[in-house]
Protein backbone atom coordinates (compact mmCIF):
# COMPACT_ATOMS: atom_id res chain seq x y z
CA MET A 1 47.58 69.00 -182.66
CA THR A 2 50.87 67.47 -183.57
CA TYR A 3 54.24 68.58 -181.99
CA ARG A 4 56.40 67.43 -184.77
CA ARG A 5 58.72 70.17 -186.00
CA ARG A 6 61.55 70.43 -188.51
CA SER A 7 63.98 72.11 -186.16
CA MET A 8 64.30 73.49 -182.70
CA GLY A 9 63.99 77.02 -184.08
CA ARG A 10 60.53 76.34 -185.52
CA LEU A 11 59.41 74.90 -182.23
CA LEU A 12 60.60 77.97 -180.45
CA GLU A 13 58.58 80.15 -182.76
CA ARG A 14 55.45 79.12 -180.81
CA PRO A 15 54.92 80.88 -177.53
CA SER A 16 53.94 77.81 -175.66
CA GLY A 17 56.67 75.70 -177.22
CA ARG A 18 59.23 78.37 -176.26
CA GLY A 19 58.25 78.19 -172.61
CA LEU A 20 58.05 74.38 -172.50
CA VAL A 21 61.37 73.82 -174.31
CA ALA A 22 63.11 76.28 -172.06
CA VAL A 23 62.64 73.81 -169.17
CA PRO A 24 64.93 70.98 -170.51
CA LEU A 25 67.31 73.50 -171.99
CA GLY A 26 67.57 75.23 -168.68
CA LEU A 27 67.93 71.92 -166.96
CA ILE A 28 71.01 70.98 -169.13
CA VAL A 29 72.59 74.39 -168.25
CA ALA A 30 71.96 74.01 -164.55
CA ILE A 31 73.27 70.50 -164.42
CA VAL A 32 76.55 71.54 -166.28
CA LEU A 33 77.18 74.52 -164.12
CA VAL A 34 76.48 72.68 -160.85
CA ASP A 35 78.61 69.66 -161.89
CA ILE A 36 81.69 71.61 -162.98
CA HIS A 37 81.61 73.63 -159.70
CA SER A 38 81.22 70.49 -157.55
CA PRO A 39 83.97 68.23 -156.22
CA THR A 40 85.46 65.65 -158.58
CA ASP A 41 83.81 62.82 -156.68
CA VAL A 42 80.35 64.27 -157.36
CA HIS A 43 78.90 63.14 -160.71
CA LEU A 44 75.66 64.83 -161.84
CA GLY A 45 76.12 64.04 -165.54
CA PRO A 46 73.69 61.10 -165.56
CA LEU A 47 70.76 63.52 -164.74
CA LEU A 48 71.26 65.06 -168.18
CA VAL A 49 69.00 62.30 -169.64
CA ILE A 50 66.09 63.94 -168.06
CA ALA A 51 66.29 66.68 -170.68
CA PRO A 52 65.44 64.51 -173.79
CA ALA A 53 62.84 62.68 -171.70
CA LEU A 54 61.00 65.93 -170.84
CA THR A 55 61.29 67.12 -174.43
CA ALA A 56 59.65 63.79 -175.64
CA SER A 57 56.62 64.65 -173.53
CA ILE A 58 56.23 68.04 -175.21
CA ALA A 59 57.56 67.67 -178.73
CA GLY A 60 58.23 65.15 -181.52
CA PRO A 61 61.25 62.90 -182.22
CA LYS A 62 63.33 65.51 -183.95
CA PRO A 63 63.31 68.00 -181.10
CA THR A 64 63.82 65.12 -178.79
CA ALA A 65 66.87 63.90 -180.77
CA LEU A 66 68.29 67.47 -180.77
CA MET A 67 67.86 67.69 -177.01
CA GLY A 68 69.64 64.27 -176.69
CA LEU A 69 72.57 65.51 -178.68
CA LEU A 70 72.73 68.53 -176.44
CA ALA A 71 72.70 66.32 -173.41
CA VAL A 72 75.53 64.21 -174.80
CA GLY A 73 77.47 67.30 -175.75
CA ALA A 74 77.01 68.64 -172.18
CA GLN A 75 78.32 65.33 -170.73
CA VAL A 76 81.43 65.64 -173.01
CA LEU A 77 81.96 69.17 -171.83
CA ILE A 78 81.69 68.08 -168.21
CA GLY A 79 84.21 65.22 -168.81
CA ALA A 80 86.69 67.56 -170.47
CA LEU A 81 86.50 69.91 -167.54
CA HIS A 82 86.72 67.13 -164.98
CA GLY A 83 89.92 65.22 -165.62
CA GLY A 84 89.61 64.42 -169.38
CA LEU A 85 87.42 62.18 -171.51
CA GLY A 86 89.69 59.11 -171.13
CA THR A 87 88.43 58.09 -167.75
CA THR A 88 86.26 55.05 -167.50
CA ASN A 89 83.68 56.97 -165.50
CA HIS A 90 83.10 59.73 -168.08
CA ILE A 91 83.19 57.28 -171.16
CA SER A 92 80.51 55.06 -169.42
CA GLN A 93 78.34 58.10 -168.66
CA ILE A 94 78.54 59.33 -172.30
CA ILE A 95 77.59 55.84 -173.58
CA ALA A 96 74.78 55.62 -171.19
CA ILE A 97 73.33 59.01 -172.03
CA THR A 98 73.73 58.32 -175.77
CA PHE A 99 71.89 54.93 -175.41
CA LEU A 100 69.11 56.33 -173.25
CA SER A 101 68.60 59.31 -175.53
CA ALA A 102 68.22 57.09 -178.58
CA LEU A 103 65.79 54.90 -176.75
CA ILE A 104 63.70 57.85 -175.91
CA VAL A 105 63.73 59.15 -179.53
CA LEU A 106 62.56 55.57 -180.62
CA PHE A 107 59.65 55.73 -178.19
CA SER A 108 58.88 59.29 -179.23
CA ARG A 109 58.59 58.13 -182.90
CA ALA A 110 56.32 55.23 -182.02
CA ARG A 111 53.97 57.61 -179.98
CA GLU A 112 53.82 60.16 -182.79
CA ARG A 113 52.94 57.35 -185.26
CA ARG A 114 50.15 56.35 -182.96
CA ASN A 115 49.00 59.92 -182.49
CA ARG A 116 48.82 60.33 -186.29
CA GLU A 117 46.77 57.16 -186.61
CA LEU A 118 44.46 58.36 -183.80
CA ASN A 119 44.08 61.73 -185.33
CA ARG A 120 43.14 60.19 -188.68
CA VAL A 121 40.55 57.94 -187.09
CA ARG A 122 39.15 60.92 -184.95
CA SER A 123 38.96 63.04 -188.12
CA VAL A 124 37.01 60.26 -189.98
CA SER A 125 34.82 59.82 -186.90
CA GLU A 126 34.09 63.55 -186.58
CA ALA A 127 33.27 63.82 -190.34
CA ALA A 128 30.82 60.83 -190.09
CA GLN A 129 29.17 62.37 -187.04
CA ARG A 130 28.83 65.75 -188.74
CA VAL A 131 27.13 64.07 -191.72
CA LEU A 132 24.78 62.28 -189.38
CA LEU A 133 23.84 65.30 -187.27
CA ARG A 134 24.05 68.09 -189.77
CA PRO A 135 24.04 71.55 -188.08
CA PRO A 136 20.74 73.26 -188.77
CA PRO A 137 21.12 76.53 -190.63
CA ARG A 138 20.84 79.64 -188.48
CA LYS A 139 17.92 80.97 -190.56
CA VAL A 140 15.20 78.76 -192.11
CA GLY A 141 12.29 80.52 -193.72
CA PRO A 142 10.90 83.06 -191.17
CA LEU A 143 12.66 81.18 -188.36
CA ARG A 144 16.03 81.75 -186.52
CA VAL A 145 17.52 78.65 -185.02
CA ALA A 146 20.18 78.08 -182.34
CA TRP A 147 21.27 74.69 -181.20
CA LEU A 148 23.43 72.94 -178.46
CA TYR A 149 24.67 69.35 -178.42
CA LEU A 150 26.61 67.86 -175.45
CA ALA A 151 27.62 64.24 -175.77
CA ALA A 152 28.07 62.25 -172.62
CA GLU A 153 31.19 60.31 -173.95
CA ASP A 154 34.55 61.88 -174.07
CA GLU A 155 35.83 62.53 -177.66
CA ALA A 156 32.35 62.08 -179.11
CA LYS A 157 30.51 64.79 -180.92
CA ILE A 158 27.04 63.11 -180.84
CA GLY A 159 25.35 60.29 -179.13
CA GLY A 160 21.83 59.21 -178.68
CA ASP A 161 20.15 62.53 -178.92
CA LEU A 162 19.11 63.83 -182.30
CA PHE A 163 17.64 66.90 -184.03
CA ALA A 164 17.13 67.93 -187.64
CA VAL A 165 15.42 70.79 -189.57
CA ALA A 166 13.96 70.31 -193.04
CA ARG A 167 11.90 72.28 -195.45
CA ALA A 168 8.55 71.03 -196.79
CA ALA A 169 6.70 71.99 -199.87
CA HIS A 170 3.62 73.88 -198.52
CA PRO A 171 5.98 75.85 -197.63
CA SER A 172 6.85 75.20 -193.97
CA THR A 173 9.64 74.14 -191.77
CA ARG A 174 9.65 70.77 -190.10
CA VAL A 175 11.76 70.02 -187.01
CA VAL A 176 12.42 66.77 -185.16
CA ILE A 177 14.04 66.28 -181.86
CA GLY A 178 14.47 62.83 -180.28
CA ASP A 179 16.26 60.74 -177.74
CA VAL A 180 17.36 57.18 -178.16
CA ARG A 181 17.14 54.92 -175.10
CA GLY A 182 20.74 54.71 -173.92
CA LYS A 183 23.56 57.29 -174.50
CA GLY A 184 26.86 57.71 -176.15
CA LEU A 185 28.27 56.22 -179.36
CA ALA A 186 26.28 52.98 -178.95
CA ALA A 187 23.10 54.87 -179.70
CA ILE A 188 24.23 56.48 -182.95
CA GLY A 189 22.96 53.71 -185.20
CA GLU A 190 19.48 54.09 -183.85
CA ALA A 191 19.60 57.86 -184.08
CA SER A 192 20.68 57.46 -187.74
CA VAL A 193 17.53 55.50 -188.55
CA VAL A 194 15.19 58.24 -187.15
CA LEU A 195 17.04 61.02 -188.78
CA GLY A 196 17.09 59.24 -192.18
CA ALA A 197 13.35 58.55 -191.93
CA PHE A 198 12.60 62.19 -191.07
CA ARG A 199 14.70 63.65 -193.79
CA GLU A 200 13.16 61.29 -196.37
CA GLY A 201 9.62 61.76 -195.20
CA ALA A 202 9.64 65.55 -194.35
CA HIS A 203 8.81 66.60 -197.95
CA ARG A 204 6.88 63.45 -198.82
CA HIS A 205 4.12 63.49 -196.35
CA ALA A 206 1.64 66.43 -196.24
CA LEU A 207 0.30 65.44 -192.76
CA LEU A 208 2.41 65.51 -189.67
CA PRO A 209 0.87 62.25 -188.26
CA ASP A 210 1.77 60.42 -191.50
CA LEU A 211 5.35 61.61 -191.18
CA MET A 212 5.50 60.27 -187.51
CA ALA A 213 3.97 56.99 -188.54
CA ALA A 214 6.55 56.68 -191.35
CA MET A 215 9.23 57.28 -188.93
CA ASP A 216 7.86 54.75 -186.55
CA ASP A 217 7.64 52.18 -189.35
CA SER A 218 11.23 52.78 -190.28
CA VAL A 219 12.42 52.45 -186.65
CA ALA A 220 10.37 49.23 -186.20
CA ARG A 221 11.87 47.70 -189.34
CA ASN A 222 15.49 48.60 -188.75
CA LEU A 223 16.02 48.84 -185.06
CA ASP A 224 17.19 45.20 -184.71
CA GLU A 225 19.87 45.75 -187.23
CA VAL A 226 21.42 48.94 -185.77
CA ALA A 227 20.67 48.50 -182.04
CA ASP A 228 23.62 47.54 -179.74
CA THR A 229 21.88 44.40 -178.41
CA GLU A 230 25.28 42.70 -177.53
CA HIS A 231 26.03 45.28 -174.76
CA ASP A 232 22.47 46.27 -174.09
CA ALA A 233 19.82 43.46 -174.22
CA GLY A 234 16.95 45.72 -172.91
CA GLU A 235 14.21 47.41 -174.88
CA HIS A 236 15.35 49.65 -177.63
CA PHE A 237 13.05 52.61 -178.54
CA VAL A 238 13.25 56.38 -179.43
CA THR A 239 11.34 59.24 -178.10
CA ALA A 240 10.51 62.01 -180.76
CA LEU A 241 8.81 65.23 -181.19
CA VAL A 242 8.00 66.60 -184.67
CA LEU A 243 6.88 70.16 -185.44
CA ASP A 244 5.50 71.70 -188.63
CA ILE A 245 5.87 75.51 -188.69
CA PRO A 246 4.17 77.05 -191.80
CA ASP A 247 5.78 80.14 -193.28
CA ASP A 248 2.56 82.09 -193.72
CA SER A 249 0.37 80.91 -190.75
CA PRO A 250 0.76 81.85 -187.01
CA TYR A 251 -0.12 78.26 -186.10
CA ALA A 252 2.24 75.32 -185.78
CA GLU A 253 1.52 71.59 -185.46
CA MET A 254 3.02 69.21 -183.18
CA VAL A 255 3.09 65.22 -182.90
CA THR A 256 4.73 63.75 -179.84
CA ALA A 257 5.91 60.20 -179.31
CA GLY A 258 6.85 59.91 -175.62
CA HIS A 259 9.08 63.05 -175.77
CA PRO A 260 9.23 65.82 -173.18
CA PRO A 261 6.87 68.86 -174.03
CA PRO A 262 8.50 71.92 -175.64
CA LEU A 263 8.53 75.34 -173.94
CA LEU A 264 6.85 78.41 -175.55
CA VAL A 265 8.47 81.71 -174.55
CA ARG A 266 6.25 84.65 -175.36
CA GLU A 267 7.47 88.03 -174.00
CA ARG A 268 8.33 87.09 -170.38
CA LYS A 269 5.98 84.17 -169.97
CA VAL A 270 7.11 80.54 -170.30
CA THR A 271 4.50 77.95 -171.05
CA GLU A 272 4.97 74.19 -171.18
CA LEU A 273 3.10 72.81 -174.18
CA VAL A 274 1.82 69.50 -172.94
CA PRO A 275 0.23 67.47 -175.71
CA ARG A 276 -3.32 66.23 -175.48
CA ASP A 277 -2.42 63.19 -177.73
CA CYS A 278 0.88 61.48 -177.09
CA ALA A 279 1.95 58.38 -179.02
CA PRO A 280 4.18 55.67 -177.46
CA PRO A 281 7.99 56.05 -178.35
CA LEU A 282 9.08 54.98 -181.76
CA GLY A 283 9.96 51.30 -182.04
CA MET A 284 7.52 50.05 -179.55
CA GLY A 285 5.56 48.20 -182.34
CA ASP A 286 3.95 45.63 -179.98
CA LEU A 287 1.91 48.25 -178.19
CA PRO A 288 -1.58 49.15 -179.47
CA VAL A 289 -1.39 52.66 -180.95
CA PRO A 290 -4.47 54.70 -181.51
CA PRO A 291 -4.62 56.94 -184.62
CA LEU A 292 -2.12 59.74 -184.35
CA ARG A 293 -3.45 63.25 -184.11
CA SER A 294 -1.48 66.42 -184.01
CA ASP A 295 -1.73 69.15 -181.45
CA HIS A 296 -1.75 72.80 -182.53
CA LEU A 297 -0.28 75.86 -181.02
CA THR A 298 -0.12 79.62 -181.66
CA PHE A 299 3.53 80.50 -182.78
CA THR A 300 3.71 84.13 -183.84
CA ALA A 301 6.43 86.64 -184.48
CA GLY A 302 8.71 87.19 -181.53
CA ASP A 303 7.87 83.85 -179.86
CA PHE A 304 10.46 81.31 -178.97
CA LEU A 305 10.11 77.48 -178.93
CA VAL A 306 12.63 75.51 -176.79
CA LEU A 307 12.99 71.96 -177.63
CA TYR A 308 15.09 69.64 -175.43
CA THR A 309 15.91 66.01 -174.56
CA ASP A 310 15.51 64.43 -171.20
CA GLY A 311 19.24 64.87 -170.58
CA VAL A 312 18.37 68.50 -169.76
CA ILE A 313 15.59 68.10 -167.27
CA GLU A 314 17.22 64.98 -165.70
CA ALA A 315 20.58 66.73 -165.19
CA ARG A 316 21.31 66.68 -161.43
CA SER A 317 23.04 69.09 -159.15
CA PRO A 318 25.73 67.84 -156.65
CA THR A 319 22.89 67.48 -154.17
CA GLY A 320 20.72 65.34 -156.48
CA ALA A 321 18.21 68.02 -157.58
CA PHE A 322 16.89 67.88 -161.23
CA TYR A 323 17.28 70.90 -163.42
CA PRO A 324 14.04 72.87 -163.49
CA LEU A 325 14.26 74.06 -167.18
CA ALA A 326 10.92 75.90 -167.37
CA GLU A 327 11.38 77.73 -163.98
CA ARG A 328 14.98 78.70 -164.91
CA VAL A 329 14.08 80.11 -168.27
CA ALA A 330 11.35 82.12 -166.73
CA SER A 331 13.79 83.58 -164.23
CA PHE A 332 16.37 84.77 -166.82
CA PRO A 333 16.63 88.62 -166.42
CA SER A 334 17.14 89.34 -170.15
CA LEU A 335 14.44 86.99 -171.47
CA PRO A 336 14.12 86.86 -174.51
CA GLY A 337 16.70 89.50 -175.17
CA GLY A 338 19.03 89.00 -178.05
CA GLY A 339 17.42 86.27 -180.03
CA PRO A 340 17.77 82.37 -179.87
CA ASP A 341 21.52 82.46 -179.41
CA SER A 342 21.25 84.61 -176.33
CA LEU A 343 18.52 82.42 -174.78
CA LEU A 344 20.55 79.26 -175.66
CA HIS A 345 23.69 80.71 -174.02
CA HIS A 346 21.71 81.49 -170.86
CA ILE A 347 20.34 77.92 -170.60
CA HIS A 348 23.80 76.42 -171.28
CA ARG A 349 25.57 78.46 -168.74
CA ASP A 350 22.87 77.93 -166.14
CA LEU A 351 22.69 74.19 -166.77
CA LEU A 352 26.46 73.76 -166.27
CA ALA A 353 26.25 75.87 -163.10
CA HIS A 354 23.47 73.67 -161.84
CA THR A 355 25.41 70.41 -162.45
CA GLY A 356 28.84 71.66 -161.45
CA GLY A 357 30.08 71.31 -165.06
CA GLN A 358 29.42 67.64 -165.24
CA VAL A 359 27.33 66.13 -168.02
CA ASN A 360 26.33 62.39 -167.37
CA ASP A 361 23.84 62.16 -170.35
CA ASP A 362 23.57 63.27 -173.88
CA ILE A 363 22.00 66.69 -174.08
CA ALA A 364 20.37 68.44 -177.06
CA LEU A 365 18.72 71.76 -177.20
CA LEU A 366 17.01 73.71 -180.01
CA VAL A 367 15.84 77.23 -179.61
CA ILE A 368 13.59 78.51 -182.49
CA GLU A 369 12.44 82.16 -182.87
CA ARG A 370 9.86 83.27 -185.43
CA VAL A 371 10.78 86.57 -186.94
CA PRO A 372 8.35 89.14 -188.12
CA THR A 373 7.37 88.96 -191.87
CA ARG A 374 5.00 91.06 -194.01
CA HIS A 375 2.64 88.12 -194.44
CA LEU A 376 2.41 87.16 -190.80
CA LEU A 377 0.76 89.25 -188.21
CA ARG A 378 -0.11 88.26 -184.66
CA PRO A 379 -3.84 87.03 -184.86
CA LEU A 380 -6.35 89.38 -183.13
CA LEU A 381 -9.43 88.35 -181.17
CA ASP A 382 -11.53 91.32 -180.09
CA GLY A 383 -8.60 93.53 -180.56
CA HIS A 384 -6.27 91.60 -178.29
CA PRO A 385 -3.43 89.08 -179.31
CA MET A 386 -4.70 85.61 -179.65
CA THR A 387 -2.89 83.21 -177.32
CA ASP A 388 -5.05 80.07 -177.37
CA GLN A 389 -6.60 80.05 -180.75
CA VAL A 390 -7.76 76.56 -181.98
CA HIS A 391 -6.74 75.74 -185.46
CA ALA A 392 -8.77 73.37 -187.54
CA HIS A 393 -7.16 70.03 -188.23
CA PRO A 394 -6.15 69.84 -191.96
CA ASP A 395 -7.93 66.41 -192.46
CA GLY A 396 -11.28 67.73 -191.13
CA ALA A 397 -10.94 65.95 -187.79
CA PRO A 398 -12.00 67.90 -184.67
CA PRO A 399 -9.43 70.57 -183.74
CA SER A 400 -6.87 69.83 -181.13
CA THR A 401 -4.53 72.12 -179.16
CA ALA A 402 -1.71 71.45 -176.83
CA HIS A 403 -2.52 72.00 -173.18
CA GLU A 404 -0.58 75.07 -172.06
CA ARG A 405 0.70 74.97 -168.59
CA GLY A 406 2.27 78.41 -167.53
CA ILE A 407 5.40 78.86 -165.38
C-alpha cells in the first residue's frame, strides 16, 4: 500500500487516514492554544515540528509538506500574538521549523522512492513464485482439491515445499507433493527442478514408477546447479510422493520417495497409508535403488486424501510436543463435513492453535476429495463396501497395496 496522495482532502477520504492525520492536526491546534495562553517567557512553538514528523510516518511527502506549512503558519500566528514577528526569538523559531519541515519532506520522499522500488521487487517476486507454484484448480476431473501453503520466511509466498496437480492421458489426475531439504527462499531452485520434471513427465509416462524415476534423474542432473551450496554445504535431496488417481476406477496408485505417508479419511475413520515400497529421496543418486514399485489403495466417492509435508507433523507446541496430525483429524467433530475446504480449515486452525501461531518450517497441505460420478461406484465384496481390495499392477508384476494403519 502506498500513502502518497495528491492533497490532504484525498487522504482524509480514507477512514484510517482521517483518524491518523487528525493526530498531528490536533497537535498543532493544541500547541497554538497552549502557547498563546501561556506567559510570554514560555515558548512551545518549536514543538510544532512534531506534526510534520508524525505525518511523514503515516503519509507521503505531499501531505507531510502540507503539514509542515501548517506548522510554519501556526508559528507565525504565535509570533503575531506574542509581541510581533520582528523579534529575534520568533524569527529563529520560524526559520528552524521551516528548515526541519523541509528536511522531513526530503526524507519522506527518499523513503517513498525506496518503498516503490521494494513494491516492484516484491511484485516481481510474487509473480515468479506464483508461476513456480501454480495453485491447483478447485476441481480436477472427479476430484475436488483444497490446498494450504505456509512459508517459513517472512514476505515469501513459497519455500522448499512443493505440490502440483496435472492431468494424464488415460484419463487420470496425477498429484505430487514434496519437500526440499532446508526451507525458505534458498530451497526454491531445487523445488523448481522437481516441479518442472513432474509437469513434463506427468503426461509422458504411462507408469507411475517411470514418472518418479524421470523426476529422480532430473534432480540428480540439475541439483548441483540450483542448490544453495554456498550457504548450505550439506546433502541436498527432495522427498516426494506421487499419486495417480484414475477418473473411472476406484483404485489409486502411489509411489513414495522418502515422503511422509498420506492419510485416507473415509467416513469418520482416518487411515495412515504407509507404503510397502519406499524409494530413497530424490537426488540420492549414490544409493543403490531397487526397482520402483507402486502401492495401490482404494479411493472411492466420498473419500478424502490428506497429503502433507513434514513441516506439519514436526510442528511443535510451546512445550515441545509434535503435532499429531492423524489423531487430530480423527478428532474433528464435523469430519468430513463440508468438503475439502472445510477439512483443510479445521487442520489449519488446529495446527496454529497447537503451535501458538508460530510457523518455523515450510508447510504444505493438500486435501483431495473424490466426488460421486455415474461411472464410479464403491466396489462391493459379498455385498459390503470393499476397503482393502488389491489392484493388479499394470505391468503384470505381483499386486501391491499400501499398509493401512488406522487411527
